[in-house]
Amino acid sequence: MTPLSTTLHDILARRGPGRVLVRRTTPYQLQVWGVYAQITKYRLDGNGSLRLVLYDDNSYMNAVIPSPTCLSAKTRDRADIEAAWRLFVTKCGRPDPSWQSFGGIMLVRGIGFWTKKQQLRGTAPNGAELHPVTGLQVVAGC
């Protein structure tokens, strides 16, 4: 679970699986990634997760921090996910269901995830996300 440094551009250059996978089987999904990115917007999703829109080098991608109340006692990296949630809410603002503008720059660590390609704000063209986010480090803006 050691993070591998990369860029949004490199993640978006990956070829997606073409369909949503029910299990994490691709190398992208079995790795924790670390990217420096500007968080342009955030909101609370319907399931209570915190959705972040990441931006760097003309590329957008979503990252998701699950709500700590939705994590089971057996959730892998539970303490790290909870710490990322706490850091964002404490330093950057409490999310609500409407999109909130933001300009902070952070090191975002998270596990690769392929989602369906959709017209949701910040969705990567190849369906890549960081989900769950397992760590945040403020660089500037909070």
N, C-alpha and C. Protein backbone atom coordinates (compact mmCIF):
# COMPACT_ATOMS: atom_id res chain seq x y z
N MET A 1 0.82 -1.20 0.00
CA MET A 1 0.00 0.00 0.00
C MET A 1 0.86 1.27 0.00
N THR A 2 2.12 1.13 -0.41
CA THR A 2 2.98 2.29 -0.53
C THR A 2 2.57 3.09 -1.76
N PRO A 3 2.31 4.40 -1.61
CA PRO A 3 1.87 5.20 -2.76
C PRO A 3 2.95 5.30 -3.83
N LEU A 4 2.51 5.25 -5.06
CA LEU A 4 3.38 5.45 -6.22
C LEU A 4 3.04 6.82 -6.79
N SER A 5 4.03 7.69 -6.90
CA SER A 5 3.79 9.05 -7.42
C SER A 5 3.49 9.00 -8.91
N THR A 6 2.53 9.82 -9.32
CA THR A 6 2.15 9.92 -10.72
C THR A 6 1.50 11.27 -10.95
N THR A 7 0.96 11.47 -12.13
CA THR A 7 0.25 12.71 -12.46
C THR A 7 -1.14 12.35 -12.97
N LEU A 8 -2.05 13.32 -12.93
CA LEU A 8 -3.37 13.09 -13.51
C LEU A 8 -3.23 12.75 -14.99
N HIS A 9 -2.35 13.45 -15.68
CA HIS A 9 -2.13 13.21 -17.10
C HIS A 9 -1.77 11.74 -17.36
N ASP A 10 -0.88 11.18 -16.54
CA ASP A 10 -0.47 9.77 -16.73
C ASP A 10 -1.61 8.81 -16.41
N ILE A 11 -2.41 9.11 -15.39
CA ILE A 11 -3.55 8.24 -15.08
C ILE A 11 -4.56 8.29 -16.22
N LEU A 12 -4.81 9.48 -16.75
CA LEU A 12 -5.80 9.60 -17.82
C LEU A 12 -5.30 9.02 -19.14
N ALA A 13 -4.01 8.81 -19.27
CA ALA A 13 -3.46 8.17 -20.48
C ALA A 13 -3.64 6.65 -20.44
N ARG A 14 -3.99 6.11 -19.30
CA ARG A 14 -4.21 4.66 -19.19
C ARG A 14 -5.46 4.26 -19.94
N ARG A 15 -5.43 3.07 -20.45
CA ARG A 15 -6.61 2.55 -21.13
C ARG A 15 -7.53 1.94 -20.08
N GLY A 16 -8.76 2.41 -20.05
CA GLY A 16 -9.74 1.87 -19.12
C GLY A 16 -10.14 0.46 -19.53
N PRO A 17 -10.80 -0.27 -18.65
CA PRO A 17 -11.17 -1.65 -18.93
C PRO A 17 -12.32 -1.80 -19.93
N GLY A 18 -13.00 -0.71 -20.26
CA GLY A 18 -14.11 -0.79 -21.22
C GLY A 18 -15.45 -1.08 -20.56
N ARG A 19 -15.42 -1.58 -19.36
CA ARG A 19 -16.65 -1.85 -18.60
C ARG A 19 -16.30 -1.73 -17.12
N VAL A 20 -17.30 -1.54 -16.30
CA VAL A 20 -17.06 -1.45 -14.87
C VAL A 20 -16.79 -2.86 -14.35
N LEU A 21 -15.69 -3.00 -13.62
CA LEU A 21 -15.30 -4.29 -13.07
C LEU A 21 -15.89 -4.46 -11.68
N VAL A 22 -16.31 -5.67 -11.35
CA VAL A 22 -16.88 -5.92 -10.02
C VAL A 22 -15.81 -6.19 -8.98
N ARG A 23 -14.60 -6.54 -9.42
CA ARG A 23 -13.50 -6.77 -8.50
C ARG A 23 -12.29 -5.95 -8.95
N ARG A 24 -11.46 -5.59 -8.02
CA ARG A 24 -10.22 -4.87 -8.35
C ARG A 24 -9.20 -5.89 -8.86
N THR A 25 -8.99 -5.88 -10.16
CA THR A 25 -8.10 -6.87 -10.76
C THR A 25 -6.99 -6.25 -11.62
N THR A 26 -7.14 -4.99 -12.00
CA THR A 26 -6.12 -4.38 -12.87
C THR A 26 -5.00 -3.77 -12.03
N PRO A 27 -3.80 -3.64 -12.60
CA PRO A 27 -2.71 -3.02 -11.85
C PRO A 27 -3.07 -1.64 -11.32
N TYR A 28 -3.86 -0.87 -12.08
CA TYR A 28 -4.27 0.46 -11.62
C TYR A 28 -5.09 0.37 -10.34
N GLN A 29 -5.94 -0.64 -10.25
CA GLN A 29 -6.84 -0.78 -9.09
C GLN A 29 -6.17 -1.43 -7.89
N LEU A 30 -4.99 -1.96 -8.07
CA LEU A 30 -4.30 -2.64 -6.98
C LEU A 30 -3.16 -1.80 -6.41
N GLN A 31 -3.16 -0.52 -6.72
CA GLN A 31 -2.08 0.37 -6.32
C GLN A 31 -2.63 1.62 -5.64
N VAL A 32 -1.91 2.09 -4.64
CA VAL A 32 -2.19 3.41 -4.07
C VAL A 32 -1.36 4.41 -4.87
N TRP A 33 -2.01 5.46 -5.35
CA TRP A 33 -1.37 6.48 -6.17
C TRP A 33 -1.30 7.77 -5.39
N GLY A 34 -0.28 8.55 -5.65
CA GLY A 34 -0.15 9.87 -5.06
C GLY A 34 -0.02 10.91 -6.16
N VAL A 35 -0.93 11.89 -6.18
CA VAL A 35 -0.90 12.94 -7.19
C VAL A 35 -1.01 14.31 -6.52
N TYR A 36 -0.26 15.26 -7.05
CA TYR A 36 -0.44 16.65 -6.64
C TYR A 36 -1.47 17.24 -7.58
N ALA A 37 -2.49 17.87 -7.03
CA ALA A 37 -3.56 18.42 -7.86
C ALA A 37 -4.26 19.55 -7.12
N GLN A 38 -4.87 20.42 -7.92
CA GLN A 38 -5.75 21.44 -7.37
C GLN A 38 -7.13 20.81 -7.22
N ILE A 39 -7.76 21.05 -6.09
CA ILE A 39 -9.15 20.61 -5.91
C ILE A 39 -10.01 21.80 -6.31
N THR A 40 -10.71 21.66 -7.44
CA THR A 40 -11.47 22.81 -7.96
C THR A 40 -12.87 22.89 -7.37
N LYS A 41 -13.45 21.74 -7.06
CA LYS A 41 -14.80 21.70 -6.47
C LYS A 41 -14.90 20.48 -5.57
N TYR A 42 -15.88 20.53 -4.67
CA TYR A 42 -16.17 19.36 -3.84
C TYR A 42 -17.64 19.40 -3.44
N ARG A 43 -18.14 18.23 -3.06
CA ARG A 43 -19.52 18.14 -2.57
C ARG A 43 -19.71 16.82 -1.83
N LEU A 44 -20.82 16.75 -1.13
CA LEU A 44 -21.23 15.54 -0.45
C LEU A 44 -22.13 14.77 -1.41
N ASP A 45 -21.74 13.54 -1.76
CA ASP A 45 -22.57 12.70 -2.63
C ASP A 45 -23.79 12.19 -1.87
N GLY A 46 -24.74 11.64 -2.60
CA GLY A 46 -25.97 11.11 -2.00
C GLY A 46 -25.72 10.03 -0.96
N ASN A 47 -24.62 9.29 -1.10
CA ASN A 47 -24.31 8.22 -0.15
C ASN A 47 -23.46 8.70 1.03
N GLY A 48 -23.22 10.02 1.10
CA GLY A 48 -22.46 10.58 2.21
C GLY A 48 -20.97 10.70 1.97
N SER A 49 -20.49 10.25 0.81
CA SER A 49 -19.08 10.37 0.47
C SER A 49 -18.73 11.79 0.07
N LEU A 50 -17.50 12.15 0.26
CA LEU A 50 -16.99 13.46 -0.13
C LEU A 50 -16.33 13.31 -1.50
N ARG A 51 -16.89 13.95 -2.52
CA ARG A 51 -16.37 13.88 -3.89
C ARG A 51 -15.55 15.12 -4.17
N LEU A 52 -14.31 14.91 -4.61
CA LEU A 52 -13.39 15.98 -4.94
C LEU A 52 -13.14 15.98 -6.44
N VAL A 53 -13.13 17.14 -7.07
CA VAL A 53 -12.75 17.25 -8.48
C VAL A 53 -11.31 17.74 -8.51
N LEU A 54 -10.42 16.88 -9.02
CA LEU A 54 -9.00 17.19 -9.10
C LEU A 54 -8.68 17.78 -10.48
N TYR A 55 -7.72 18.71 -10.51
CA TYR A 55 -7.31 19.33 -11.77
C TYR A 55 -5.80 19.51 -11.78
N ASP A 56 -5.20 19.19 -12.93
CA ASP A 56 -3.79 19.48 -13.16
C ASP A 56 -3.52 19.32 -14.65
N ASP A 57 -2.77 20.24 -15.22
CA ASP A 57 -2.32 20.14 -16.61
C ASP A 57 -3.47 19.88 -17.59
N ASN A 58 -4.53 20.69 -17.49
CA ASN A 58 -5.71 20.56 -18.36
C ASN A 58 -6.42 19.21 -18.25
N SER A 59 -6.29 18.54 -17.12
CA SER A 59 -6.92 17.24 -16.91
C SER A 59 -7.75 17.28 -15.63
N TYR A 60 -8.92 16.66 -15.68
CA TYR A 60 -9.80 16.56 -14.52
C TYR A 60 -10.02 15.09 -14.17
N MET A 61 -10.22 14.83 -12.88
CA MET A 61 -10.52 13.49 -12.41
C MET A 61 -11.18 13.60 -11.04
N ASN A 62 -12.03 12.65 -10.72
CA ASN A 62 -12.68 12.61 -9.40
C ASN A 62 -11.87 11.78 -8.42
N ALA A 63 -11.97 12.17 -7.17
CA ALA A 63 -11.46 11.38 -6.06
C ALA A 63 -12.55 11.36 -5.00
N VAL A 64 -12.68 10.25 -4.28
CA VAL A 64 -13.78 10.09 -3.33
C VAL A 64 -13.25 9.64 -1.98
N ILE A 65 -13.69 10.35 -0.94
CA ILE A 65 -13.41 9.94 0.44
C ILE A 65 -14.72 9.42 1.01
N PRO A 66 -14.82 8.12 1.28
CA PRO A 66 -16.05 7.58 1.86
C PRO A 66 -16.31 8.20 3.23
N SER A 67 -17.58 8.33 3.56
CA SER A 67 -17.96 8.83 4.87
C SER A 67 -17.47 7.86 5.95
N PRO A 68 -16.83 8.35 6.99
CA PRO A 68 -16.38 7.47 8.06
C PRO A 68 -17.51 6.63 8.66
N THR A 69 -18.75 7.16 8.64
CA THR A 69 -19.87 6.40 9.21
C THR A 69 -20.25 5.20 8.33
N CYS A 70 -19.78 5.18 7.09
CA CYS A 70 -20.10 4.07 6.19
C CYS A 70 -19.01 3.00 6.16
N LEU A 71 -17.92 3.21 6.87
CA LEU A 71 -16.82 2.25 6.87
C LEU A 71 -17.06 1.17 7.92
N SER A 72 -16.81 -0.06 7.55
CA SER A 72 -16.95 -1.15 8.51
C SER A 72 -15.68 -1.24 9.35
N ALA A 73 -15.75 -1.98 10.42
CA ALA A 73 -14.59 -2.17 11.29
C ALA A 73 -13.46 -2.89 10.54
N LYS A 74 -13.80 -3.61 9.48
CA LYS A 74 -12.80 -4.37 8.72
C LYS A 74 -12.28 -3.63 7.49
N THR A 75 -12.72 -2.40 7.28
CA THR A 75 -12.28 -1.63 6.11
C THR A 75 -10.77 -1.46 6.13
N ARG A 76 -10.14 -1.83 5.02
CA ARG A 76 -8.70 -1.68 4.90
C ARG A 76 -8.36 -0.19 4.90
N ASP A 77 -7.33 0.20 5.62
CA ASP A 77 -6.88 1.59 5.73
C ASP A 77 -7.94 2.52 6.31
N ARG A 78 -8.80 1.97 7.15
CA ARG A 78 -9.88 2.76 7.75
C ARG A 78 -9.35 4.02 8.44
N ALA A 79 -8.30 3.88 9.24
CA ALA A 79 -7.77 5.03 9.98
C ALA A 79 -7.27 6.11 9.03
N ASP A 80 -6.64 5.72 7.92
CA ASP A 80 -6.14 6.70 6.95
C ASP A 80 -7.29 7.41 6.23
N ILE A 81 -8.34 6.67 5.88
CA ILE A 81 -9.51 7.25 5.22
C ILE A 81 -10.18 8.25 6.17
N GLU A 82 -10.36 7.85 7.43
CA GLU A 82 -10.97 8.76 8.42
C GLU A 82 -10.12 10.01 8.61
N ALA A 83 -8.79 9.85 8.62
CA ALA A 83 -7.89 11.00 8.80
C ALA A 83 -7.99 11.96 7.61
N ALA A 84 -8.11 11.41 6.40
CA ALA A 84 -8.26 12.26 5.20
C ALA A 84 -9.57 13.06 5.30
N TRP A 85 -10.64 12.39 5.70
CA TRP A 85 -11.95 13.06 5.87
C TRP A 85 -11.83 14.20 6.88
N ARG A 86 -11.27 13.88 8.04
CA ARG A 86 -11.14 14.86 9.12
C ARG A 86 -10.29 16.06 8.68
N LEU A 87 -9.17 15.79 8.01
CA LEU A 87 -8.31 16.87 7.56
C LEU A 87 -9.06 17.80 6.62
N PHE A 88 -9.77 17.24 5.65
CA PHE A 88 -10.47 18.08 4.69
C PHE A 88 -11.55 18.91 5.38
N VAL A 89 -12.39 18.27 6.18
CA VAL A 89 -13.50 18.96 6.83
C VAL A 89 -12.99 20.01 7.82
N THR A 90 -11.95 19.71 8.55
CA THR A 90 -11.41 20.63 9.55
C THR A 90 -10.71 21.82 8.92
N LYS A 91 -9.90 21.58 7.92
CA LYS A 91 -9.08 22.65 7.34
C LYS A 91 -9.72 23.35 6.15
N CYS A 92 -10.61 22.67 5.43
CA CYS A 92 -11.07 23.22 4.15
C CYS A 92 -12.56 23.52 4.09
N GLY A 93 -13.36 22.92 4.93
CA GLY A 93 -14.78 23.24 4.92
C GLY A 93 -15.67 22.02 4.97
N ARG A 94 -16.80 22.18 5.59
CA ARG A 94 -17.77 21.10 5.70
C ARG A 94 -18.54 21.00 4.40
N PRO A 95 -18.57 19.80 3.81
CA PRO A 95 -19.28 19.64 2.53
C PRO A 95 -20.79 19.58 2.71
N ASP A 96 -21.49 19.95 1.64
CA ASP A 96 -22.93 19.73 1.57
C ASP A 96 -23.24 19.22 0.16
N PRO A 97 -24.48 18.90 -0.15
CA PRO A 97 -24.79 18.28 -1.45
C PRO A 97 -24.59 19.17 -2.68
N SER A 98 -24.45 20.47 -2.50
CA SER A 98 -24.23 21.33 -3.67
C SER A 98 -22.73 21.47 -3.92
N TRP A 99 -22.36 21.65 -5.19
CA TRP A 99 -20.95 21.83 -5.53
C TRP A 99 -20.44 23.12 -4.91
N GLN A 100 -19.28 23.03 -4.28
CA GLN A 100 -18.63 24.18 -3.67
C GLN A 100 -17.29 24.40 -4.36
N SER A 101 -17.02 25.64 -4.75
CA SER A 101 -15.76 25.96 -5.40
C SER A 101 -14.63 25.94 -4.39
N PHE A 102 -13.46 25.61 -4.88
CA PHE A 102 -12.30 25.50 -4.02
C PHE A 102 -11.07 25.70 -4.88
N GLY A 103 -9.96 26.03 -4.31
CA GLY A 103 -8.75 26.23 -5.09
C GLY A 103 -7.51 25.67 -4.43
N GLY A 104 -7.69 24.90 -3.37
CA GLY A 104 -6.56 24.36 -2.65
C GLY A 104 -5.78 23.34 -3.46
N ILE A 105 -4.48 23.29 -3.21
CA ILE A 105 -3.62 22.30 -3.84
C ILE A 105 -3.22 21.30 -2.78
N MET A 106 -3.34 20.01 -3.12
CA MET A 106 -3.04 18.95 -2.16
C MET A 106 -2.32 17.79 -2.83
N LEU A 107 -1.61 17.06 -2.00
CA LEU A 107 -1.14 15.74 -2.40
C LEU A 107 -2.27 14.80 -2.02
N VAL A 108 -2.84 14.15 -3.01
CA VAL A 108 -3.97 13.24 -2.79
C VAL A 108 -3.47 11.83 -3.01
N ARG A 109 -3.66 10.98 -2.01
CA ARG A 109 -3.30 9.57 -2.13
C ARG A 109 -4.60 8.76 -2.13
N GLY A 110 -4.67 7.81 -3.05
CA GLY A 110 -5.87 6.99 -3.12
C GLY A 110 -5.65 5.77 -3.99
N ILE A 111 -6.55 4.84 -3.87
CA ILE A 111 -6.48 3.59 -4.62
C ILE A 111 -7.20 3.79 -5.95
N GLY A 112 -6.58 3.30 -7.01
CA GLY A 112 -7.16 3.41 -8.34
C GLY A 112 -8.50 2.70 -8.42
N PHE A 113 -9.41 3.28 -9.18
CA PHE A 113 -10.76 2.73 -9.31
C PHE A 113 -11.27 3.08 -10.70
N TRP A 114 -11.87 2.11 -11.37
CA TRP A 114 -12.52 2.36 -12.67
C TRP A 114 -14.01 2.50 -12.45
N THR A 115 -14.58 3.59 -12.90
CA THR A 115 -16.01 3.81 -12.80
C THR A 115 -16.57 3.92 -14.22
N LYS A 116 -17.87 3.88 -14.35
CA LYS A 116 -18.44 4.04 -15.68
C LYS A 116 -18.23 5.46 -16.17
N LYS A 117 -18.02 5.57 -17.47
CA LYS A 117 -17.86 6.89 -18.07
C LYS A 117 -19.22 7.56 -18.07
N GLN A 118 -19.27 8.76 -17.50
CA GLN A 118 -20.54 9.47 -17.38
C GLN A 118 -20.30 10.97 -17.48
N GLN A 119 -21.33 11.71 -17.52
CA GLN A 119 -21.23 13.16 -17.67
C GLN A 119 -21.17 13.88 -16.31
N LEU A 120 -20.81 13.19 -15.26
CA LEU A 120 -20.68 13.80 -13.94
C LEU A 120 -19.48 14.75 -13.94
N ARG A 121 -19.61 15.87 -13.30
CA ARG A 121 -18.54 16.86 -13.24
C ARG A 121 -17.23 16.19 -12.78
N GLY A 122 -16.18 16.40 -13.54
CA GLY A 122 -14.86 15.90 -13.17
C GLY A 122 -14.57 14.47 -13.57
N THR A 123 -15.53 13.77 -14.18
CA THR A 123 -15.30 12.38 -14.56
C THR A 123 -14.22 12.31 -15.63
N ALA A 124 -13.25 11.46 -15.42
CA ALA A 124 -12.17 11.27 -16.39
C ALA A 124 -12.70 10.57 -17.63
N PRO A 125 -12.19 10.90 -18.80
CA PRO A 125 -12.66 10.26 -20.04
C PRO A 125 -12.50 8.74 -20.04
N ASN A 126 -11.50 8.23 -19.32
CA ASN A 126 -11.29 6.78 -19.27
C ASN A 126 -11.98 6.12 -18.07
N GLY A 127 -12.67 6.90 -17.25
CA GLY A 127 -13.38 6.36 -16.09
C GLY A 127 -12.52 6.20 -14.84
N ALA A 128 -11.29 6.73 -14.85
CA ALA A 128 -10.39 6.59 -13.70
C ALA A 128 -10.80 7.52 -12.55
N GLU A 129 -10.69 7.01 -11.34
CA GLU A 129 -10.88 7.79 -10.12
C GLU A 129 -9.84 7.34 -9.11
N LEU A 130 -9.70 8.09 -8.05
CA LEU A 130 -9.02 7.63 -6.84
C LEU A 130 -10.13 7.42 -5.82
N HIS A 131 -10.34 6.16 -5.45
CA HIS A 131 -11.51 5.82 -4.62
C HIS A 131 -11.26 4.49 -3.93
N PRO A 132 -11.00 4.49 -2.67
CA PRO A 132 -11.10 5.60 -1.72
C PRO A 132 -9.80 6.40 -1.64
N VAL A 133 -9.94 7.65 -1.21
CA VAL A 133 -8.79 8.47 -0.88
C VAL A 133 -8.29 7.97 0.47
N THR A 134 -6.99 7.71 0.55
CA THR A 134 -6.40 7.19 1.78
C THR A 134 -5.48 8.20 2.45
N GLY A 135 -5.35 9.37 1.85
CA GLY A 135 -4.51 10.38 2.47
C GLY A 135 -4.57 11.71 1.75
N LEU A 136 -4.46 12.79 2.51
CA LEU A 136 -4.41 14.15 1.97
C LEU A 136 -3.29 14.89 2.69
N GLN A 137 -2.60 15.72 1.93
CA GLN A 137 -1.60 16.60 2.52
C GLN A 137 -1.79 17.96 1.87
N VAL A 138 -2.04 18.98 2.67
CA VAL A 138 -2.25 20.33 2.16
C VAL A 138 -0.90 20.89 1.68
N VAL A 139 -0.92 21.41 0.46
CA VAL A 139 0.25 22.09 -0.10
C VAL A 139 0.02 23.59 -0.04
N ALA A 140 -1.18 24.04 -0.47
CA ALA A 140 -1.52 25.46 -0.44
C ALA A 140 -3.02 25.62 -0.51
N GLY A 141 -3.56 26.63 0.15
CA GLY A 141 -4.94 27.00 -0.06
C GLY A 141 -5.96 26.65 0.99
N CYS A 142 -5.63 25.94 2.01
CA CYS A 142 -6.61 25.66 3.06
C CYS A 142 -6.32 26.53 4.26
